[in-house]
Amino acid sequence: MAETAQIMQRVLKPVKATPEALEGYGYLIGEPDDSVREKINFYGADVVVTQPAKFYGNDDLCLNLVSFEPRPLQVRWMEYHTKHTQTFIPLAGKPFYMVLGKPTEQPPDGDADLPNLDTVQAFEFDGTGGIVMNVGTWHEVPFPIDGQTHFVCICTNETNTDLERGDRHGECDGGDLSKRHIETRFGLRLLIES
């Protein structure tokens, strides 16, 4: 009789999403702070324009409206993008969790890139702002805390196509996407403490 592999569990305690806590993962966007970049002063004091993040993309960017239903607080997949700074902005001010891992480098032997689990952290966003992730930041899509939550998501059409295609192993790879199944790859179940 074959033995069943034991699945380990790791519980991630969310930390409050602040600019300092998100350093290395991306940028918190919401209320403007004192770091004004490339301010447009055409309108004077009536309209203040800031660029709160280093946003990067190509001519394939698109705007998605994504609706997330509450789901178990288990990280099934983590993914990253190489051609854009994926952005999630909640609508209606609802709080959410995001699980992020710092960018890694593709191994030179061509093996599948995997997140460094030592850098994986759960963040709690209060709903007053969203996130612009650094290129290559590993992430699971947002977990709504207070019922169905709608997000504006900025990504590439290529990412949408790769996700639609998927693969038979429950993962995705494409020109702008690497998506890995955490339990399969690590024998580990990542959970978020609520």
Protein backbone atom coordinates (compact mmCIF):
# COMPACT_ATOMS: atom_id res chain seq x y z
CA MET A 1 0.00 0.00 0.00
CA ALA A 2 1.48 3.34 -1.05
CA GLU A 3 2.00 5.98 1.61
CA THR A 4 0.26 9.32 1.26
CA ALA A 5 2.56 12.32 1.46
CA GLN A 6 1.98 14.47 4.51
CA ILE A 7 0.93 18.01 3.60
CA MET A 8 2.47 20.57 5.92
CA GLN A 9 0.67 23.79 6.81
CA ARG A 10 1.99 27.29 7.35
CA VAL A 11 -0.26 30.02 8.69
CA LEU A 12 0.51 33.56 7.55
CA LYS A 13 -0.43 36.29 10.02
CA PRO A 14 -1.44 39.37 7.99
CA VAL A 15 0.39 42.61 8.59
CA LYS A 16 -1.16 45.99 7.87
CA ALA A 17 -0.38 47.11 4.33
CA THR A 18 1.72 50.27 4.67
CA PRO A 19 4.31 51.78 2.32
CA GLU A 20 7.06 50.51 4.64
CA ALA A 21 5.63 46.98 4.96
CA LEU A 22 5.24 46.68 1.17
CA GLU A 23 8.83 47.72 0.41
CA GLY A 24 10.31 45.23 -2.04
CA TYR A 25 6.86 43.94 -3.05
CA GLY A 26 5.25 47.03 -4.55
CA TYR A 27 3.55 50.31 -3.76
CA LEU A 28 0.48 51.14 -1.71
CA ILE A 29 -1.70 53.54 -3.66
CA GLY A 30 -4.46 55.55 -2.05
CA GLU A 31 -4.23 58.81 -0.15
CA PRO A 32 -1.39 60.87 -1.64
CA ASP A 33 1.63 61.29 0.59
CA ASP A 34 4.54 63.71 0.45
CA SER A 35 6.39 61.81 -2.27
CA VAL A 36 5.18 63.71 -5.34
CA ARG A 37 6.76 62.46 -8.57
CA GLU A 38 6.46 64.32 -11.86
CA LYS A 39 3.68 66.56 -10.64
CA ILE A 40 1.52 68.13 -13.34
CA ASN A 41 0.75 71.68 -12.30
CA PHE A 42 -1.50 72.66 -15.22
CA TYR A 43 -4.57 73.11 -12.98
CA GLY A 44 -2.85 74.79 -10.05
CA ALA A 45 -3.91 73.88 -6.51
CA ASP A 46 -7.43 72.77 -7.61
CA VAL A 47 -6.21 69.50 -9.12
CA VAL A 48 -3.11 67.78 -7.75
CA VAL A 49 -1.67 65.01 -9.92
CA THR A 50 0.92 62.64 -8.50
CA GLN A 51 2.52 59.41 -9.64
CA PRO A 52 2.55 57.31 -6.47
CA ALA A 53 4.30 54.28 -7.94
CA LYS A 54 6.82 53.18 -10.53
CA PHE A 55 4.27 51.89 -13.02
CA TYR A 56 5.55 49.84 -15.95
CA GLY A 57 3.78 48.29 -18.89
CA ASN A 58 3.84 47.83 -22.63
CA ASP A 59 1.32 48.52 -25.39
CA ASP A 60 -0.61 45.37 -24.43
CA LEU A 61 -2.03 46.75 -21.15
CA CYS A 62 -5.72 46.30 -20.43
CA LEU A 63 -8.19 47.17 -17.72
CA ASN A 64 -10.17 44.33 -16.13
CA LEU A 65 -13.04 44.60 -13.68
CA VAL A 66 -12.65 41.54 -11.44
CA SER A 67 -15.24 40.40 -8.89
CA PHE A 68 -13.99 38.19 -6.07
CA GLU A 69 -16.33 36.17 -3.88
CA PRO A 70 -15.21 35.21 -0.38
CA ARG A 71 -13.26 31.97 -0.50
CA PRO A 72 -11.23 29.87 1.94
CA LEU A 73 -8.11 31.73 3.09
CA GLN A 74 -5.77 29.24 1.43
CA VAL A 75 -3.13 30.22 -1.10
CA ARG A 76 -3.57 27.76 -3.94
CA TRP A 77 -1.38 29.46 -6.52
CA MET A 78 1.24 32.16 -6.70
CA GLU A 79 2.13 33.93 -9.92
CA TYR A 80 4.26 36.76 -11.22
CA HIS A 81 4.50 38.92 -14.34
CA THR A 82 7.55 40.08 -16.29
CA LYS A 83 6.09 42.75 -18.59
CA HIS A 84 4.01 44.94 -16.29
CA THR A 85 3.39 46.12 -12.76
CA GLN A 86 0.08 44.41 -12.11
CA THR A 87 -2.28 46.61 -10.15
CA PHE A 88 -5.32 45.85 -7.99
CA ILE A 89 -7.56 48.73 -6.85
CA PRO A 90 -10.62 47.84 -4.74
CA LEU A 91 -13.92 49.55 -5.41
CA ALA A 92 -16.41 50.52 -2.67
CA GLY A 93 -13.69 50.71 0.01
CA LYS A 94 -13.88 47.05 1.04
CA PRO A 95 -10.93 45.47 2.88
CA PHE A 96 -8.96 42.54 1.51
CA TYR A 97 -5.92 40.32 2.06
CA MET A 98 -3.12 39.80 -0.43
CA VAL A 99 -0.31 37.30 -0.17
CA LEU A 100 2.92 38.51 -1.76
CA GLY A 101 6.42 37.11 -2.28
CA LYS A 102 9.45 39.12 -3.34
CA PRO A 103 10.65 38.71 -6.94
CA THR A 104 12.93 35.76 -7.73
CA GLU A 105 15.14 35.00 -10.72
CA GLN A 106 14.56 32.30 -13.30
CA PRO A 107 17.01 29.44 -12.66
CA PRO A 108 19.69 29.17 -15.38
CA ASP A 109 18.93 25.46 -15.90
CA GLY A 110 15.48 26.33 -17.29
CA ASP A 111 13.59 24.72 -14.41
CA ALA A 112 10.36 26.31 -13.32
CA ASP A 113 10.80 29.44 -11.26
CA LEU A 114 9.32 29.20 -7.78
CA PRO A 115 8.60 31.75 -5.07
CA ASN A 116 10.99 32.00 -2.13
CA LEU A 117 8.61 31.04 0.68
CA ASP A 118 10.82 32.87 3.20
CA THR A 119 9.67 36.15 1.63
CA VAL A 120 5.97 35.27 1.40
CA GLN A 121 3.81 37.51 3.58
CA ALA A 122 0.08 38.15 3.96
CA PHE A 123 -0.99 41.81 3.96
CA GLU A 124 -4.26 43.31 5.10
CA PHE A 125 -5.52 46.27 3.08
CA ASP A 126 -8.22 48.41 4.67
CA GLY A 127 -9.93 49.13 1.33
CA THR A 128 -8.88 52.78 1.07
CA GLY A 129 -6.09 51.90 -1.34
CA GLY A 130 -4.74 49.27 -3.67
CA ILE A 131 -1.40 47.94 -4.78
CA VAL A 132 0.92 48.38 -7.74
CA MET A 133 3.20 45.35 -7.55
CA ASN A 134 6.80 45.43 -8.64
CA VAL A 135 7.59 43.52 -11.81
CA GLY A 136 8.19 39.91 -10.76
CA THR A 137 6.39 40.07 -7.39
CA TRP A 138 4.83 36.71 -6.59
CA HIS A 139 1.20 36.97 -5.54
CA GLU A 140 -2.12 35.25 -5.10
CA VAL A 141 -5.14 37.25 -6.24
CA PRO A 142 -6.95 39.27 -3.53
CA PHE A 143 -9.01 37.61 -0.82
CA PRO A 144 -12.07 39.75 0.02
CA ILE A 145 -12.77 40.15 3.74
CA ASP A 146 -16.25 41.72 3.62
CA GLY A 147 -18.31 39.87 1.00
CA GLN A 148 -18.06 40.12 -2.76
CA THR A 149 -15.50 42.76 -3.72
CA HIS A 150 -14.92 44.33 -7.12
CA PHE A 151 -11.45 45.41 -8.22
CA VAL A 152 -9.98 47.30 -11.10
CA CYS A 153 -7.07 45.17 -12.28
CA ILE A 154 -4.48 46.51 -14.70
CA CYS A 155 -2.64 43.74 -16.50
CA THR A 156 -1.76 42.65 -20.03
CA ASN A 157 -4.00 40.97 -22.59
CA GLU A 158 -1.23 38.36 -22.82
CA THR A 159 -1.75 37.50 -19.13
CA ASN A 160 -5.50 37.13 -19.73
CA THR A 161 -4.84 34.79 -22.68
CA ASP A 162 -2.33 32.72 -20.68
CA LEU A 163 -4.84 32.35 -17.81
CA GLU A 164 -7.62 31.35 -20.21
CA ARG A 165 -5.35 28.69 -21.69
CA GLY A 166 -3.93 27.27 -18.42
CA ASP A 167 -2.42 23.81 -18.52
CA ARG A 168 -3.37 20.29 -17.52
CA HIS A 169 -1.34 20.54 -14.29
CA GLY A 170 -3.27 23.51 -12.90
CA GLU A 171 -0.47 25.96 -13.66
CA CYS A 172 0.15 28.56 -16.34
CA ASP A 173 3.20 29.74 -18.21
CA GLY A 174 3.40 32.39 -20.87
CA GLY A 175 5.37 35.37 -22.02
CA ASP A 176 4.12 37.51 -19.11
CA LEU A 177 3.01 34.92 -16.57
CA SER A 178 4.38 32.14 -14.39
CA LYS A 179 1.73 30.62 -12.11
CA ARG A 180 2.62 27.80 -9.71
CA HIS A 181 0.44 25.49 -7.61
CA ILE A 182 1.86 25.85 -4.10
CA GLU A 183 0.69 22.58 -2.53
CA THR A 184 1.89 20.51 -5.50
CA ARG A 185 5.26 22.27 -5.77
CA PHE A 186 6.09 22.49 -2.06
CA GLY A 187 3.90 19.91 -0.29
CA LEU A 188 2.74 22.86 1.78
CA ARG A 189 -0.62 24.45 2.42
CA LEU A 190 -0.35 28.22 2.98
CA LEU A 191 -3.22 29.62 5.04
CA ILE A 192 -4.07 33.18 6.07
CA GLU A 193 -4.93 33.78 9.71
CA SER A 194 -8.22 35.67 9.97
